[in-house]
Amino acid sequence: MFVLMSIFPWQQIGSQGSPFVQIFDNLGISSAATVLNIVVISAAISAINSDIFGAGRMMYGLAQQGHAPKGFARLSGNGVPWMTVVVMSAALLLGVLLNYLIPENVFLLIASIATFATVWVWLMILFTQVAMRRSMSAEQVAQLKFPVPFWPYAPMAAIVFMLFIFGVLGYFPDTQAALIVGVVWIVLLVLAYLTWVKPAAGQAALVAQESSFSHR
């Protein structure tokens, strides 16, 4: 950032598209700007490929554990969970559609939704860690190989900071939609869990218990 603002007025950076491309164009190195665009596009494609692989494998694992539709556990002849790839591709096409319908706001919307998802995951990790520590005895806590520094103040401060980020998302009108989408998505996940996953887990536990009694 220091180098960029040293060679170009900071008030004008980003006013004509990508700041890096803008700076190269003004320096008369238009070919470098083209190369940079190619690098950015290649990086985006690589990220998309990584997301399809990571999210696909995660949904496959959830399906094997009974926490996602069984169709996600289907494999192709080469061992690829093809259903998850189809779902992720459809989600990417939805992003293309949003880019066509609301090109001015789509980046901020998706970035805000990604922020909500990331903060929510870390918030749940913090809550889980706090609940785990409170359920442990003093002897068990003393045997932990990775003690938490400044317990319990550090986790509490982190939780307050995560809640602050949610407040920021709800405060600005441009990011309120992401907060609403995130809350609706969580509600849908809870309903799906209560409707399908929890009853299936209870049925499996009952079958296992009956099988144990029969062996006795």
Foldseek 3Di string as FASTA:
>chain_A
DVVLCVQDPPVCQCVVHHNVCVSCVVVVNNVVSVVVVVVVVVVVVVVLVVCLVVQLVVLLVCLVVQLHPVLSVDADPVGGSVVSSVVSVVVVVVLVVCCVVCVPQSVVAVVLLVLLVVLVVVLVVLVVVVVVVVVDDPVVQVPDPDHDPPPPVVSVVSNVVSVVVLVVLCVDPSNVVSSVVNVVVVVVSVVCCVVGVVVVVVVVVVVVVVVVVVVD
